[in-house]
PDB file of N, CA and C in Angstrom:
ATOM      1  N   ALA A   1     -19.332 -12.182  -2.276  1.00  0.00           N
ATOM      2  CA  ALA A   1     -18.279 -11.489  -1.604  1.00  0.00           C
ATOM      3  C   ALA A   1     -18.709  -9.966  -1.537  1.00  0.00           C
ATOM      4  N   ASN A   2     -18.316  -9.419  -0.452  1.00  0.00           N
ATOM      5  CA  ASN A   2     -18.675  -7.961  -0.163  1.00  0.00           C
ATOM      6  C   ASN A   2     -17.573  -7.146  -0.640  1.00  0.00           C
ATOM      7  N   VAL A   3     -17.599  -6.474  -1.877  1.00  0.00           N
ATOM      8  CA  VAL A   3     -16.533  -5.705  -2.379  1.00  0.00           C
ATOM      9  C   VAL A   3     -17.033  -4.279  -2.395  1.00  0.00           C
ATOM     10  N   LYS A   4     -16.049  -3.503  -1.933  1.00  0.00           N
ATOM     11  CA  LYS A   4     -16.304  -1.934  -1.872  1.00  0.00           C
ATOM     12  C   LYS A   4     -15.097  -1.296  -2.639  1.00  0.00           C
ATOM     13  N   GLN A   5     -15.291  -0.242  -3.250  1.00  0.00           N
ATOM     14  CA  GLN A   5     -14.186   0.487  -3.863  1.00  0.00           C
ATOM     15  C   GLN A   5     -14.114   1.838  -3.330  1.00  0.00           C
ATOM     16  N   SER A   6     -12.929   2.458  -3.472  1.00  0.00           N
ATOM     17  CA  SER A   6     -12.814   3.835  -3.048  1.00  0.00           C
ATOM     18  C   SER A   6     -11.710   4.521  -3.850  1.00  0.00           C
ATOM     19  N   LEU A   7     -11.998   5.693  -4.208  1.00  0.00           N
ATOM     20  CA  LEU A   7     -11.087   6.427  -4.941  1.00  0.00           C
ATOM     21  C   LEU A   7     -10.341   7.393  -3.915  1.00  0.00           C
ATOM     22  N   VAL A   8      -9.121   7.381  -3.803  1.00  0.00           N
ATOM     23  CA  VAL A   8      -8.344   8.115  -2.830  1.00  0.00           C
ATOM     24  C   VAL A   8      -7.653   9.221  -3.676  1.00  0.00           C
ATOM     25  N   ASP A   9      -7.942  10.479  -3.288  1.00  0.00           N
ATOM     26  CA  ASP A   9      -7.369  11.686  -3.931  1.00  0.00           C
ATOM     27  C   ASP A   9      -6.805  12.601  -2.899  1.00  0.00           C
ATOM     28  N   THR A  10      -5.445  12.580  -2.579  1.00  0.00           N
ATOM     29  CA  THR A  10      -4.969  13.378  -1.586  1.00  0.00           C
ATOM     30  C   THR A  10      -4.603  14.799  -2.184  1.00  0.00           C
ATOM     31  N   THR A  11      -4.905  15.070  -3.410  1.00  0.00           N
ATOM     32  CA  THR A  11      -4.627  16.365  -3.926  1.00  0.00           C
ATOM     33  C   THR A  11      -5.793  17.259  -3.730  1.00  0.00           C
ATOM     34  N   ARG A  12      -6.898  16.659  -3.336  1.00  0.00           N
ATOM     35  CA  ARG A  12      -8.072  17.651  -2.997  1.00  0.00           C
ATOM     36  C   ARG A  12      -8.000  18.185  -1.554  1.00  0.00           C
ATOM     37  N   ASN A  13      -8.304  19.356  -1.330  1.00  0.00           N
ATOM     38  CA  ASN A  13      -8.429  19.888   0.110  1.00  0.00           C
ATOM     39  C   ASN A  13      -7.066  19.659   0.894  1.00  0.00           C
ATOM     40  N   ASN A  14      -6.014  19.748   0.289  1.00  0.00           N
ATOM     41  CA  ASN A  14      -4.707  19.546   0.943  1.00  0.00           C
ATOM     42  C   ASN A  14      -4.709  18.317   1.827  1.00  0.00           C
ATOM     43  N   GLY A  15      -5.239  17.120   1.425  1.00  0.00           N
ATOM     44  CA  GLY A  15      -5.386  15.948   2.148  1.00  0.00           C
ATOM     45  C   GLY A  15      -4.034  15.220   2.110  1.00  0.00           C
ATOM     46  N   THR A  16      -3.969  14.329   3.029  1.00  0.00           N
ATOM     47  CA  THR A  16      -2.809  13.535   3.272  1.00  0.00           C
ATOM     48  C   THR A  16      -3.178  12.017   3.186  1.00  0.00           C
ATOM     49  N   PRO A  17      -2.257  11.090   2.962  1.00  0.00           N
ATOM     50  CA  PRO A  17      -2.635   9.681   3.072  1.00  0.00           C
ATOM     51  C   PRO A  17      -3.245   9.276   4.293  1.00  0.00           C
ATOM     52  N   GLU A  18      -2.683   9.950   5.430  1.00  0.00           N
ATOM     53  CA  GLU A  18      -3.234   9.576   6.831  1.00  0.00           C
ATOM     54  C   GLU A  18      -4.646  10.055   6.936  1.00  0.00           C
ATOM     55  N   ASP A  19      -5.077  11.230   6.335  1.00  0.00           N
ATOM     56  CA  ASP A  19      -6.392  11.687   6.354  1.00  0.00           C
ATOM     57  C   ASP A  19      -7.335  10.652   5.703  1.00  0.00           C
ATOM     58  N   GLU A  20      -6.845  10.145   4.586  1.00  0.00           N
ATOM     59  CA  GLU A  20      -7.702   9.197   3.735  1.00  0.00           C
ATOM     60  C   GLU A  20      -7.737   7.840   4.561  1.00  0.00           C
ATOM     61  N   ALA A  21      -6.605   7.488   5.165  1.00  0.00           N
ATOM     62  CA  ALA A  21      -6.569   6.248   5.945  1.00  0.00           C
ATOM     63  C   ALA A  21      -7.457   6.283   7.076  1.00  0.00           C
ATOM     64  N   SER A  22      -7.702   7.317   7.739  1.00  0.00           N
ATOM     65  CA  SER A  22      -8.588   7.421   8.783  1.00  0.00           C
ATOM     66  C   SER A  22     -10.085   7.233   8.465  1.00  0.00           C
ATOM     67  N   LYS A  23     -10.302   7.221   7.184  1.00  0.00           N
ATOM     68  CA  LYS A  23     -11.836   7.067   6.738  1.00  0.00           C
ATOM     69  C   LYS A  23     -12.066   5.533   6.457  1.00  0.00           C
ATOM     70  N   VAL A  24     -10.994   4.693   6.416  1.00  0.00           N
ATOM     71  CA  VAL A  24     -11.298   3.302   6.140  1.00  0.00           C
ATOM     72  C   VAL A  24     -10.377   2.467   7.135  1.00  0.00           C
ATOM     73  N   ASP A  25     -10.697   1.226   7.139  1.00  0.00           N
ATOM     74  CA  ASP A  25      -9.929   0.251   7.969  1.00  0.00           C
ATOM     75  C   ASP A  25      -8.790  -0.457   7.226  1.00  0.00           C
ATOM     76  N   GLY A  26      -8.173   0.248   6.356  1.00  0.00           N
ATOM     77  CA  GLY A  26      -7.153  -0.257   5.418  1.00  0.00           C
ATOM     78  C   GLY A  26      -7.709  -0.885   4.295  1.00  0.00           C
ATOM     79  N   PHE A  27      -7.071  -0.806   3.174  1.00  0.00           N
ATOM     80  CA  PHE A  27      -7.458  -1.524   1.887  1.00  0.00           C
ATOM     81  C   PHE A  27      -6.796  -2.860   1.793  1.00  0.00           C
ATOM     82  N   ASP A  28      -7.672  -3.851   1.410  1.00  0.00           N
ATOM     83  CA  ASP A  28      -7.154  -5.108   1.014  1.00  0.00           C
ATOM     84  C   ASP A  28      -6.283  -5.128  -0.191  1.00  0.00           C
ATOM     85  N   ILE A  29      -6.578  -4.261  -1.214  1.00  0.00           N
ATOM     86  CA  ILE A  29      -5.868  -4.413  -2.535  1.00  0.00           C
ATOM     87  C   ILE A  29      -5.770  -2.858  -2.742  1.00  0.00           C
ATOM     88  N   ILE A  30      -4.573  -2.492  -3.310  1.00  0.00           N
ATOM     89  CA  ILE A  30      -4.278  -1.164  -3.820  1.00  0.00           C
ATOM     90  C   ILE A  30      -3.613  -1.492  -5.237  1.00  0.00           C
ATOM     91  N   MET A  31      -4.050  -0.925  -6.272  1.00  0.00           N
ATOM     92  CA  MET A  31      -3.622  -1.202  -7.614  1.00  0.00           C
ATOM     93  C   MET A  31      -3.058   0.088  -8.109  1.00  0.00           C
ATOM     94  N   GLY A  32      -1.942   0.106  -8.796  1.00  0.00           N
ATOM     95  CA  GLY A  32      -1.448   1.250  -9.562  1.00  0.00           C
ATOM     96  C   GLY A  32      -0.870   0.833 -10.935  1.00  0.00           C
ATOM     97  N   SER A  33      -0.995   1.589 -11.814  1.00  0.00           N
ATOM     98  CA  SER A  33      -0.574   1.367 -13.187  1.00  0.00           C
ATOM     99  C   SER A  33       0.117   2.578 -13.777  1.00  0.00           C
ATOM    100  N   ASP A  34       1.262   2.382 -14.298  1.00  0.00           N
ATOM    101  CA  ASP A  34       1.950   3.517 -15.008  1.00  0.00           C
ATOM    102  C   ASP A  34       1.958   4.724 -14.269  1.00  0.00           C
ATOM    103  N   ILE A  35       2.328   4.694 -12.909  1.00  0.00           N
ATOM    104  CA  ILE A  35       2.292   5.857 -12.154  1.00  0.00           C
ATOM    105  C   ILE A  35       3.561   6.383 -11.645  1.00  0.00           C
ATOM    106  N   ILE A  36       4.727   5.919 -12.123  1.00  0.00           N
ATOM    107  CA  ILE A  36       6.047   6.390 -11.575  1.00  0.00           C
ATOM    108  C   ILE A  36       6.749   6.926 -12.777  1.00  0.00           C
ATOM    109  N   TYR A  37       6.925   8.208 -12.794  1.00  0.00           N
ATOM    110  CA  TYR A  37       7.705   8.829 -13.957  1.00  0.00           C
ATOM    111  C   TYR A  37       9.052   9.348 -13.337  1.00  0.00           C
ATOM    112  N   LEU A  38       9.093   9.771 -12.115  1.00  0.00           N
ATOM    113  CA  LEU A  38      10.330  10.379 -11.618  1.00  0.00           C
ATOM    114  C   LEU A  38      10.745   9.704 -10.329  1.00  0.00           C
ATOM    115  N   GLU A  39      12.079   9.629 -10.119  1.00  0.00           N
ATOM    116  CA  GLU A  39      12.523   8.881  -8.869  1.00  0.00           C
ATOM    117  C   GLU A  39      12.165   9.672  -7.541  1.00  0.00           C
ATOM    118  N   GLU A  40      11.798  10.983  -7.725  1.00  0.00           N
ATOM    119  CA  GLU A  40      11.429  11.677  -6.594  1.00  0.00           C
ATOM    120  C   GLU A  40      10.018  11.292  -6.077  1.00  0.00           C
ATOM    121  N   MET A  41       9.262  10.657  -6.908  1.00  0.00           N
ATOM    122  CA  MET A  41       7.888  10.212  -6.614  1.00  0.00           C
ATOM    123  C   MET A  41       7.763   8.806  -5.974  1.00  0.00           C
ATOM    124  N   ILE A  42       8.887   8.103  -5.967  1.00  0.00           N
ATOM    125  CA  ILE A  42       8.906   6.801  -5.312  1.00  0.00           C
ATOM    126  C   ILE A  42       8.540   6.812  -3.793  1.00  0.00           C
ATOM    127  N   ASP A  43       9.104   7.641  -3.037  1.00  0.00           N
ATOM    128  CA  ASP A  43       8.869   7.701  -1.571  1.00  0.00           C
ATOM    129  C   ASP A  43       7.404   8.158  -1.311  1.00  0.00           C
ATOM    130  N   PRO A  44       6.898   9.245  -1.984  1.00  0.00           N
ATOM    131  CA  PRO A  44       5.613   9.676  -1.745  1.00  0.00           C
ATOM    132  C   PRO A  44       4.553   8.527  -2.068  1.00  0.00           C
ATOM    133  N   LEU A  45       4.814   7.893  -3.071  1.00  0.00           N
ATOM    134  CA  LEU A  45       3.922   6.787  -3.513  1.00  0.00           C
ATOM    135  C   LEU A  45       3.965   5.600  -2.505  1.00  0.00           C
ATOM    136  N   LEU A  46       5.066   5.188  -2.107  1.00  0.00           N
ATOM    137  CA  LEU A  46       5.247   4.126  -1.036  1.00  0.00           C
ATOM    138  C   LEU A  46       4.679   4.490   0.221  1.00  0.00           C
ATOM    139  N   GLU A  47       4.900   5.813   0.618  1.00  0.00           N
ATOM    140  CA  GLU A  47       4.363   6.224   1.964  1.00  0.00           C
ATOM    141  C   GLU A  47       2.868   6.187   1.965  1.00  0.00           C
ATOM    142  N   THR A  48       2.165   6.590   0.732  1.00  0.00           N
ATOM    143  CA  THR A  48       0.723   6.615   0.664  1.00  0.00           C
ATOM    144  C   THR A  48       0.321   5.105   0.716  1.00  0.00           C
ATOM    145  N   VAL A  49       0.949   4.269   0.031  1.00  0.00           N
ATOM    146  CA  VAL A  49       0.588   2.868  -0.065  1.00  0.00           C
ATOM    147  C   VAL A  49       0.543   2.266   1.493  1.00  0.00           C
ATOM    148  N   VAL A  50       1.683   2.583   2.158  1.00  0.00           N
ATOM    149  CA  VAL A  50       1.818   1.978   3.560  1.00  0.00           C
ATOM    150  C   VAL A  50       0.779   2.515   4.421  1.00  0.00           C
ATOM    151  N   ALA A  51       0.368   3.867   4.124  1.00  0.00           N
ATOM    152  CA  ALA A  51      -0.568   4.438   5.126  1.00  0.00           C
ATOM    153  C   ALA A  51      -2.015   3.911   4.807  1.00  0.00           C
ATOM    154  N   LEU A  52      -2.229   3.538   3.730  1.00  0.00           N
ATOM    155  CA  LEU A  52      -3.652   3.168   3.154  1.00  0.00           C
ATOM    156  C   LEU A  52      -3.845   1.545   3.265  1.00  0.00           C
ATOM    157  N   LEU A  53      -2.701   0.806   3.048  1.00  0.00           N
ATOM    158  CA  LEU A  53      -2.931  -0.572   2.989  1.00  0.00           C
ATOM    159  C   LEU A  53      -3.287  -1.211   4.303  1.00  0.00           C
ATOM    160  N   LYS A  54      -4.109  -2.278   4.341  1.00  0.00           N
ATOM    161  CA  LYS A  54      -4.424  -3.014   5.666  1.00  0.00           C
ATOM    162  C   LYS A  54      -3.182  -3.463   6.181  1.00  0.00           C
ATOM    163  N   PRO A  55      -2.991  -3.358   7.426  1.00  0.00           N
ATOM    164  CA  PRO A  55      -1.619  -3.718   8.037  1.00  0.00           C
ATOM    165  C   PRO A  55      -1.424  -5.182   8.050  1.00  0.00           C
ATOM    166  N   HIS A  56      -0.279  -5.544   8.064  1.00  0.00           N
ATOM    167  CA  HIS A  56       0.197  -7.077   8.138  1.00  0.00           C
ATOM    168  C   HIS A  56      -0.028  -7.408   9.551  1.00  0.00           C
ATOM    169  N   ARG A  57      -0.573  -8.551   9.782  1.00  0.00           N
ATOM    170  CA  ARG A  57      -0.762  -9.192  11.111  1.00  0.00           C
ATOM    171  C   ARG A  57      -0.122 -10.585  11.033  1.00  0.00           C
ATOM    172  N   SER A  58       0.577 -10.928  11.964  1.00  0.00           N
ATOM    173  CA  SER A  58       1.182 -12.210  12.034  1.00  0.00           C
ATOM    174  C   SER A  58       0.241 -13.331  12.578  1.00  0.00           C
ATOM    175  N   THR A  59       0.688 -14.462  12.502  1.00  0.00           N
ATOM    176  CA  THR A  59      -0.081 -15.640  13.030  1.00  0.00           C
ATOM    177  C   THR A  59      -0.058 -15.522  14.542  1.00  0.00           C
ATOM    178  N   SER A  60      -1.206 -15.737  15.075  1.00  0.00           N
ATOM    179  CA  SER A  60      -1.336 -15.616  16.599  1.00  0.00           C
ATOM    180  C   SER A  60      -2.291 -16.920  17.039  1.00  0.00           C
ATOM    181  N   THR A  61      -2.087 -17.097  18.198  1.00  0.00           N
ATOM    182  CA  THR A  61      -3.038 -18.235  18.831  1.00  0.00           C
ATOM    183  C   THR A  61      -3.948 -17.518  19.893  1.00  0.00           C
ATOM    184  N   SER A  62      -5.239 -17.859  19.719  1.00  0.00           N
ATOM    185  CA  SER A  62      -6.186 -17.142  20.698  1.00  0.00           C
ATOM    186  C   SER A  62      -6.230 -17.910  22.000  1.00  0.00           C
ATOM    187  N   THR A  63      -6.843 -17.485  22.910  1.00  0.00           N
ATOM    188  CA  THR A  63      -7.047 -18.117  24.251  1.00  0.00           C
ATOM    189  C   THR A  63      -7.702 -19.439  24.063  1.00  0.00           C
ATOM    190  N   THR A  64      -8.544 -19.672  23.063  1.00  0.00           N
ATOM    191  CA  THR A  64      -9.164 -20.894  22.793  1.00  0.00           C
ATOM    192  C   THR A  64      -8.277 -21.947  22.134  1.00  0.00           C
ATOM    193  N   GLY A  65      -7.148 -21.546  21.688  1.00  0.00           N
ATOM    194  CA  GLY A  65      -6.155 -22.387  21.108  1.00  0.00           C
ATOM    195  C   GLY A  65      -6.275 -22.400  19.522  1.00  0.00           C
ATOM    196  N   ASN A  66      -7.225 -21.495  18.968  1.00  0.00           N
ATOM    197  CA  ASN A  66      -7.340 -21.504  17.572  1.00  0.00           C
ATOM    198  C   ASN A  66      -6.303 -20.538  16.889  1.00  0.00           C
ATOM    199  N   GLU A  67      -5.769 -20.879  15.860  1.00  0.00           N
ATOM    200  CA  GLU A  67      -4.746 -20.022  15.169  1.00  0.00           C
ATOM    201  C   GLU A  67      -5.463 -19.205  14.235  1.00  0.00           C
ATOM    202  N   SER A  68      -5.033 -17.944  14.017  1.00  0.00           N
ATOM    203  CA  SER A  68      -5.530 -17.084  13.081  1.00  0.00           C
ATOM    204  C   SER A  68      -4.351 -16.461  12.222  1.00  0.00           C
ATOM    205  N   CYS A  69      -4.427 -16.322  11.042  1.00  0.00           N
ATOM    206  CA  CYS A  69      -3.448 -15.665  10.153  1.00  0.00           C
ATOM    207  C   CYS A  69      -3.945 -14.683   9.284  1.00  0.00           C
ATOM    208  N   TYR A  70      -3.429 -13.561   9.208  1.00  0.00           N
ATOM    209  CA  TYR A  70      -3.958 -12.503   8.233  1.00  0.00           C
ATOM    210  C   TYR A  70      -2.613 -11.952   7.664  1.00  0.00           C
ATOM    211  N   ASN A  71      -2.617 -11.905   6.400  1.00  0.00           N
ATOM    212  CA  ASN A  71      -1.431 -11.354   5.691  1.00  0.00           C
ATOM    213  C   ASN A  71      -1.494  -9.916   5.376  1.00  0.00           C
ATOM    214  N   GLY A  72      -2.531  -9.218   5.670  1.00  0.00           N
ATOM    215  CA  GLY A  72      -2.624  -7.852   5.352  1.00  0.00           C
ATOM    216  C   GLY A  72      -3.045  -7.614   3.958  1.00  0.00           C
ATOM    217  N   GLY A  73      -2.862  -6.314   3.439  1.00  0.00           N
ATOM    218  CA  GLY A  73      -3.273  -5.958   2.119  1.00  0.00           C
ATOM    219  C   GLY A  73      -2.158  -6.298   1.109  1.00  0.00           C
ATOM    220  N   VAL A  74      -2.587  -6.071  -0.068  1.00  0.00           N
ATOM    221  CA  VAL A  74      -1.629  -6.303  -1.252  1.00  0.00           C
ATOM    222  C   VAL A  74      -1.596  -5.184  -2.177  1.00  0.00           C
ATOM    223  N   PHE A  75      -0.307  -4.753  -2.454  1.00  0.00           N
ATOM    224  CA  PHE A  75      -0.193  -3.688  -3.414  1.00  0.00           C
ATOM    225  C   PHE A  75       0.335  -4.253  -4.793  1.00  0.00           C
ATOM    226  N   LEU A  76      -0.509  -3.916  -5.838  1.00  0.00           N
ATOM    227  CA  LEU A  76      -0.160  -4.438  -7.123  1.00  0.00           C
ATOM    228  C   LEU A  76       0.318  -3.350  -7.957  1.00  0.00           C
ATOM    229  N   LEU A  77       1.403  -3.287  -8.554  1.00  0.00           N
ATOM    230  CA  LEU A  77       1.981  -2.218  -9.407  1.00  0.00           C
ATOM    231  C   LEU A  77       2.239  -2.758 -10.779  1.00  0.00           C
ATOM    232  N   SER A  78       1.672  -2.113 -11.702  1.00  0.00           N
ATOM    233  CA  SER A  78       1.932  -2.384 -13.092  1.00  0.00           C
ATOM    234  C   SER A  78       2.987  -1.386 -13.604  1.00  0.00           C
ATOM    235  N   TYR A  79       4.147  -1.697 -14.015  1.00  0.00           N
ATOM    236  CA  TYR A  79       5.195  -0.834 -14.152  1.00  0.00           C
ATOM    237  C   TYR A  79       5.584  -0.650 -15.664  1.00  0.00           C
ATOM    238  N   ALA A  80       5.499   0.559 -16.169  1.00  0.00           N
ATOM    239  CA  ALA A  80       6.047   0.823 -17.580  1.00  0.00           C
ATOM    240  C   ALA A  80       7.361   1.460 -17.310  1.00  0.00           C
ATOM    241  N   ARG A  81       8.437   0.892 -17.834  1.00  0.00           N
ATOM    242  CA  ARG A  81       9.792   1.544 -17.705  1.00  0.00           C
ATOM    243  C   ARG A  81       9.934   2.935 -18.371  1.00  0.00           C
ATOM    244  N   ARG A  82      10.199   3.803 -17.710  1.00  0.00           N
ATOM    245  CA  ARG A  82      10.358   5.311 -18.079  1.00  0.00           C
ATOM    246  C   ARG A  82      11.822   5.624 -17.576  1.00  0.00           C
ATOM    247  N   ASN A  83      11.796   6.747 -16.866  1.00  0.00           N
ATOM    248  CA  ASN A  83      13.050   7.260 -16.355  1.00  0.00           C
ATOM    249  C   ASN A  83      13.547   6.612 -15.090  1.00  0.00           C
ATOM    250  N   VAL A  84      12.758   5.671 -14.438  1.00  0.00           N
ATOM    251  CA  VAL A  84      13.076   5.088 -13.110  1.00  0.00           C
ATOM    252  C   VAL A  84      13.282   3.614 -13.362  1.00  0.00           C
ATOM    253  N   LYS A  85      14.350   3.023 -12.819  1.00  0.00           N
ATOM    254  CA  LYS A  85      14.542   1.593 -13.080  1.00  0.00           C
ATOM    255  C   LYS A  85      13.665   0.841 -12.142  1.00  0.00           C
ATOM    256  N   PHE A  86      13.139  -0.265 -12.536  1.00  0.00           N
ATOM    257  CA  PHE A  86      12.290  -1.131 -11.712  1.00  0.00           C
ATOM    258  C   PHE A  86      13.060  -1.490 -10.419  1.00  0.00           C
ATOM    259  N   ASP A  87      14.334  -1.718 -10.515  1.00  0.00           N
ATOM    260  CA  ASP A  87      15.101  -2.172  -9.268  1.00  0.00           C
ATOM    261  C   ASP A  87      15.042  -1.158  -8.148  1.00  0.00           C
ATOM    262  N   GLN A  88      14.980   0.085  -8.628  1.00  0.00           N
ATOM    263  CA  GLN A  88      15.010   1.273  -7.532  1.00  0.00           C
ATOM    264  C   GLN A  88      13.683   1.157  -6.787  1.00  0.00           C
ATOM    265  N   VAL A  89      12.594   0.981  -7.553  1.00  0.00           N
ATOM    266  CA  VAL A  89      11.250   0.904  -6.930  1.00  0.00           C
ATOM    267  C   VAL A  89      11.180  -0.367  -5.951  1.00  0.00           C
ATOM    268  N   ARG A  90      11.648  -1.517  -6.554  1.00  0.00           N
ATOM    269  CA  ARG A  90      11.363  -2.715  -5.734  1.00  0.00           C
ATOM    270  C   ARG A  90      12.283  -2.684  -4.547  1.00  0.00           C
ATOM    271  N   ASP A  91      13.621  -2.298  -4.630  1.00  0.00           N
ATOM    272  CA  ASP A  91      14.424  -2.237  -3.526  1.00  0.00           C
ATOM    273  C   ASP A  91      13.927  -1.196  -2.532  1.00  0.00           C
ATOM    274  N   ARG A  92      13.556  -0.053  -2.978  1.00  0.00           N
ATOM    275  CA  ARG A  92      13.094   0.935  -1.894  1.00  0.00           C
ATOM    276  C   ARG A  92      11.771   0.440  -1.269  1.00  0.00           C
ATOM    277  N   ALA A  93      10.893  -0.224  -1.882  1.00  0.00           N
ATOM    278  CA  ALA A  93       9.691  -0.779  -1.345  1.00  0.00           C
ATOM    279  C   ALA A  93      10.017  -1.905  -0.338  1.00  0.00           C
ATOM    280  N   GLU A  94      11.029  -2.674  -0.586  1.00  0.00           N
ATOM    281  CA  GLU A  94      11.335  -3.779   0.390  1.00  0.00           C
ATOM    282  C   GLU A  94      12.177  -3.269   1.523  1.00  0.00           C
ATOM    283  N   GLU A  95      13.217  -2.443   1.261  1.00  0.00           N
ATOM    284  CA  GLU A  95      14.179  -1.977   2.321  1.00  0.00           C
ATOM    285  C   GLU A  95      13.713  -0.966   3.185  1.00  0.00           C
ATOM    286  N   THR A  96      12.967   0.139   2.648  1.00  0.00           N
ATOM    287  CA  THR A  96      12.445   1.143   3.356  1.00  0.00           C
ATOM    288  C   THR A  96      11.066   0.946   4.039  1.00  0.00           C
ATOM    289  N   TYR A  97      10.165   0.402   3.302  1.00  0.00           N
ATOM    290  CA  TYR A  97       8.812   0.315   3.672  1.00  0.00           C
ATOM    291  C   TYR A  97       8.321  -0.977   3.995  1.00  0.00           C
ATOM    292  N   GLY A  98       9.188  -2.078   3.789  1.00  0.00           N
ATOM    293  CA  GLY A  98       8.798  -3.506   4.245  1.00  0.00           C
ATOM    294  C   GLY A  98       7.767  -4.155   3.325  1.00  0.00           C
ATOM    295  N   LEU A  99       7.596  -3.641   1.991  1.00  0.00           N
ATOM    296  CA  LEU A  99       6.678  -4.130   1.008  1.00  0.00           C
ATOM    297  C   LEU A  99       7.442  -5.219   0.234  1.00  0.00           C
ATOM    298  N   THR A 100       6.888  -6.370   0.145  1.00  0.00           N
ATOM    299  CA  THR A 100       7.594  -7.416  -0.692  1.00  0.00           C
ATOM    300  C   THR A 100       6.622  -7.934  -1.637  1.00  0.00           C
TER     301      THR A 100
END
């Protein structure tokens, strides 16, 4: 398997998720662990994930009749309960950003 890694740091040089996303063709996997401490950080986190994650593509049939299906990237979040309830994170991810 051809595996590549990348550290994305939007805090350097006033970068944005879109700046980082332009450097890659979307990530297959984004992992985060113990990164949500305040409710105000949910949207910036999810916006960054959506900008960097490989987009979802639905099943399609080519002109040769072959079907292809690609589910896009995966966001894995390990969550330590602090000041933000998990339901808030999950609901916002699903309802606002289409992450399931």
